[in-house]
Amino acid sequence: MGHQPERTCTGCRGAFSKSELIRLVAGPTGVAVDYREKLPGRGAYVCPRAECIRKALAKGGLSRFLRSAGPPPTPVELTDRVRAAVVEKIKSLIVMAAKAGMLASGYSAVRDGIEKGKVSALIFAADVSEGTREKVELLDAARGMQRETLFTREELGRMLGRELVGVVGIEERGFADAVRRESLRLKSLINSAW
């Protein structure tokens, strides 16, 4: 595996591998989040943390670096845009895992997947019943799989073409690791202090 190029966070000024940072570019209406790193133009990188976003925007530094013509977003606006991009990435990973046949959805399918040793990670809906959560956690007690709480039962169901889904099990390590990485980014954006 090749060496990941390093980039400097325009907020904290720390050097990180490119995959750990979020790319921002100057768009026609100002600073845009380039989460997939496909947009043309000069890019700046920032840690996925509210305090780094705030520092990057301080005194117009990010806009100057990007040579952005539009008005700079507020730290809250840019943090919300980054958070939305992370949420969309997590949703796309869940949908891709389902389409690849690497996702068990609903209690019965997750139970069967855990018993067969196929499940690598669990995602609970925020509004899953306590009974379902406890039953799944008991099944998982000896394995200690990574667990995330994301979305609502309705949101998970909508992603998977069902009505309500309280728990899903990701059956492939690559998808599980990617969801975990994105979930950590999401938590750092939500839990960051201003």
Protein backbone atom coordinates (compact mmCIF):
# COMPACT_ATOMS: atom_id res chain seq x y z
CA MET A 1 0.00 0.00 0.00
CA GLY A 2 1.38 3.39 -1.00
CA HIS A 3 2.25 6.18 1.35
CA GLN A 4 -0.59 8.67 1.88
CA PRO A 5 0.47 12.23 1.06
CA GLU A 6 0.40 14.65 3.96
CA ARG A 7 -1.48 17.92 4.08
CA THR A 8 -1.56 20.75 6.61
CA CYS A 9 -4.78 21.64 8.41
CA THR A 10 -5.45 25.34 7.79
CA GLY A 11 -6.94 25.52 11.29
CA CYS A 12 -4.51 23.88 13.73
CA ARG A 13 -1.56 23.86 11.27
CA GLY A 14 -0.85 20.18 12.06
CA ALA A 15 0.36 17.80 9.33
CA PHE A 16 -1.89 14.79 8.70
CA SER A 17 -2.37 12.19 6.01
CA LYS A 18 -4.69 13.50 3.33
CA SER A 19 -7.36 10.90 4.21
CA GLU A 20 -7.70 12.31 7.74
CA LEU A 21 -8.63 15.80 6.54
CA ILE A 22 -11.55 17.40 4.71
CA ARG A 23 -10.84 19.24 1.45
CA LEU A 24 -12.40 22.65 0.91
CA VAL A 25 -12.42 24.50 -2.40
CA ALA A 26 -13.50 27.88 -3.70
CA GLY A 27 -16.85 27.39 -5.38
CA PRO A 28 -18.93 29.87 -7.39
CA THR A 29 -20.81 30.90 -4.25
CA GLY A 30 -17.93 30.72 -1.77
CA VAL A 31 -16.22 27.92 0.17
CA ALA A 32 -17.49 24.43 -0.75
CA VAL A 33 -16.87 21.09 0.96
CA ASP A 34 -15.15 18.72 -1.48
CA TYR A 35 -15.66 15.51 0.46
CA ARG A 36 -14.91 13.20 -2.47
CA GLU A 37 -11.93 15.34 -3.55
CA LYS A 38 -13.18 15.59 -7.12
CA LEU A 39 -13.88 19.31 -7.50
CA PRO A 40 -11.46 21.40 -9.55
CA GLY A 41 -9.53 24.32 -8.16
CA ARG A 42 -7.25 25.23 -5.36
CA GLY A 43 -7.95 23.25 -2.23
CA ALA A 44 -7.38 23.76 1.46
CA TYR A 45 -7.56 21.04 4.09
CA VAL A 46 -9.04 21.14 7.57
CA CYS A 47 -9.42 18.64 10.40
CA PRO A 48 -13.01 17.45 10.80
CA ARG A 49 -13.37 19.33 14.09
CA ALA A 50 -15.33 22.49 14.79
CA GLU A 51 -12.38 24.19 16.48
CA CYS A 52 -10.16 23.68 13.41
CA ILE A 53 -12.92 24.97 11.14
CA ARG A 54 -13.30 28.04 13.36
CA LYS A 55 -9.55 28.68 13.33
CA ALA A 56 -9.38 28.20 9.55
CA LEU A 57 -12.07 30.85 9.06
CA ALA A 58 -10.58 33.28 11.58
CA LYS A 59 -9.68 36.65 10.09
CA GLY A 60 -10.60 35.48 6.58
CA GLY A 61 -7.58 33.18 6.34
CA LEU A 62 -9.35 30.36 4.51
CA SER A 63 -11.00 32.68 1.99
CA ARG A 64 -7.65 34.34 1.29
CA PHE A 65 -5.95 30.95 0.88
CA LEU A 66 -8.64 29.74 -1.51
CA ARG A 67 -8.93 33.13 -3.19
CA SER A 68 -12.67 32.76 -2.78
CA ALA A 69 -14.82 35.53 -4.20
CA GLY A 70 -18.00 34.68 -2.28
CA PRO A 71 -18.70 35.68 1.29
CA PRO A 72 -17.00 33.39 3.80
CA PRO A 73 -19.33 31.06 5.69
CA THR A 74 -19.61 31.32 9.46
CA PRO A 75 -17.90 28.56 11.45
CA VAL A 76 -21.33 27.10 12.28
CA GLU A 77 -22.36 27.11 8.59
CA LEU A 78 -19.17 25.42 7.43
CA THR A 79 -19.27 22.89 10.27
CA ASP A 80 -22.87 22.07 9.31
CA ARG A 81 -21.81 21.59 5.66
CA VAL A 82 -18.96 19.27 6.68
CA ARG A 83 -21.28 17.36 9.03
CA ALA A 84 -23.85 16.95 6.21
CA ALA A 85 -21.12 15.60 3.90
CA VAL A 86 -20.05 13.04 6.54
CA VAL A 87 -23.66 11.94 7.08
CA GLU A 88 -24.12 11.49 3.32
CA LYS A 89 -20.91 9.41 3.18
CA ILE A 90 -22.15 7.13 5.98
CA LYS A 91 -25.51 6.71 4.23
CA SER A 92 -23.79 5.83 0.96
CA LEU A 93 -21.60 3.23 2.73
CA ILE A 94 -24.67 1.59 4.28
CA VAL A 95 -26.50 1.53 0.93
CA MET A 96 -23.40 0.16 -0.88
CA ALA A 97 -22.99 -2.58 1.76
CA ALA A 98 -26.65 -3.52 1.33
CA LYS A 99 -26.36 -3.60 -2.49
CA ALA A 100 -23.22 -5.74 -2.19
CA GLY A 101 -25.08 -8.23 0.01
CA MET A 102 -22.86 -7.36 2.96
CA LEU A 103 -25.51 -6.00 5.31
CA ALA A 104 -27.99 -7.73 7.60
CA SER A 105 -30.96 -5.53 8.46
CA GLY A 106 -33.48 -6.08 11.21
CA TYR A 107 -33.18 -8.07 14.41
CA SER A 108 -33.65 -11.58 12.93
CA ALA A 109 -31.12 -11.09 10.12
CA VAL A 110 -28.59 -9.47 12.49
CA ARG A 111 -29.05 -12.28 15.04
CA ASP A 112 -28.44 -14.91 12.34
CA GLY A 113 -25.39 -12.99 11.06
CA ILE A 114 -23.89 -12.73 14.55
CA GLU A 115 -24.50 -16.43 15.26
CA LYS A 116 -22.76 -17.36 11.98
CA GLY A 117 -19.84 -15.05 12.76
CA LYS A 118 -20.51 -12.89 9.69
CA VAL A 119 -21.20 -9.51 11.31
CA SER A 120 -18.23 -7.14 11.77
CA ALA A 121 -20.05 -4.07 13.11
CA LEU A 122 -23.45 -3.05 14.41
CA ILE A 123 -25.42 0.10 13.77
CA PHE A 124 -28.33 0.82 16.07
CA ALA A 125 -30.98 3.38 15.25
CA ALA A 126 -31.15 6.12 17.89
CA ASP A 127 -34.79 5.17 18.56
CA VAL A 128 -34.37 1.37 18.58
CA SER A 129 -36.27 -0.32 21.41
CA GLU A 130 -34.24 -1.00 24.52
CA GLY A 131 -35.29 -4.66 24.33
CA THR A 132 -33.90 -5.11 20.82
CA ARG A 133 -30.66 -3.33 21.75
CA GLU A 134 -30.20 -5.53 24.84
CA LYS A 135 -30.87 -8.77 22.90
CA VAL A 136 -28.35 -7.86 20.20
CA GLU A 137 -25.75 -6.70 22.73
CA LEU A 138 -26.13 -10.02 24.60
CA LEU A 139 -25.51 -11.93 21.36
CA ASP A 140 -22.44 -9.77 20.75
CA ALA A 141 -21.12 -9.87 24.35
CA ALA A 142 -18.21 -12.23 23.66
CA ARG A 143 -17.29 -10.74 20.28
CA GLY A 144 -17.10 -7.06 21.20
CA MET A 145 -17.95 -5.75 17.73
CA GLN A 146 -17.80 -2.05 17.02
CA ARG A 147 -21.17 -0.43 17.64
CA GLU A 148 -22.53 2.84 16.40
CA THR A 149 -25.79 4.64 17.04
CA LEU A 150 -26.79 6.51 13.91
CA PHE A 151 -29.99 7.77 12.31
CA THR A 152 -33.54 6.81 13.27
CA ARG A 153 -35.41 3.60 12.46
CA GLU A 154 -37.28 5.49 9.75
CA GLU A 155 -34.06 6.87 8.21
CA LEU A 156 -32.36 3.44 8.21
CA GLY A 157 -35.50 1.90 6.73
CA ARG A 158 -35.66 4.53 3.98
CA MET A 159 -32.00 3.85 3.05
CA LEU A 160 -32.73 0.14 2.79
CA GLY A 161 -36.12 0.32 1.09
CA ARG A 162 -38.01 -0.83 4.17
CA GLU A 163 -40.38 0.82 6.60
CA LEU A 164 -38.49 0.79 9.92
CA VAL A 165 -35.09 -0.75 10.71
CA GLY A 166 -33.79 -0.66 14.28
CA VAL A 167 -30.46 -2.45 13.83
CA VAL A 168 -28.14 -3.42 10.97
CA GLY A 169 -25.06 -5.59 10.92
CA ILE A 170 -22.25 -4.89 8.47
CA GLU A 171 -20.79 -8.17 7.24
CA GLU A 172 -17.62 -6.93 5.58
CA ARG A 173 -14.62 -5.50 7.42
CA GLY A 174 -13.84 -2.79 4.83
CA PHE A 175 -17.35 -1.33 5.01
CA ALA A 176 -17.32 -1.66 8.81
CA ASP A 177 -14.00 0.18 9.09
CA ALA A 178 -15.15 2.94 6.74
CA VAL A 179 -18.38 3.47 8.70
CA ARG A 180 -16.39 3.55 11.95
CA ARG A 181 -13.97 6.15 10.54
CA GLU A 182 -16.82 8.36 9.32
CA SER A 183 -18.71 7.94 12.60
CA LEU A 184 -15.67 9.16 14.53
CA ARG A 185 -15.53 12.21 12.24
CA LEU A 186 -19.21 12.86 12.84
CA LYS A 187 -18.75 12.60 16.63
CA SER A 188 -15.80 15.01 16.54
CA LEU A 189 -17.96 17.53 14.67
CA ILE A 190 -20.91 17.14 17.05
CA ASN A 191 -18.90 17.08 20.27
CA SER A 192 -16.50 19.91 19.40
CA ALA A 193 -16.65 23.00 21.57
CA TRP A 194 -16.87 26.46 20.03
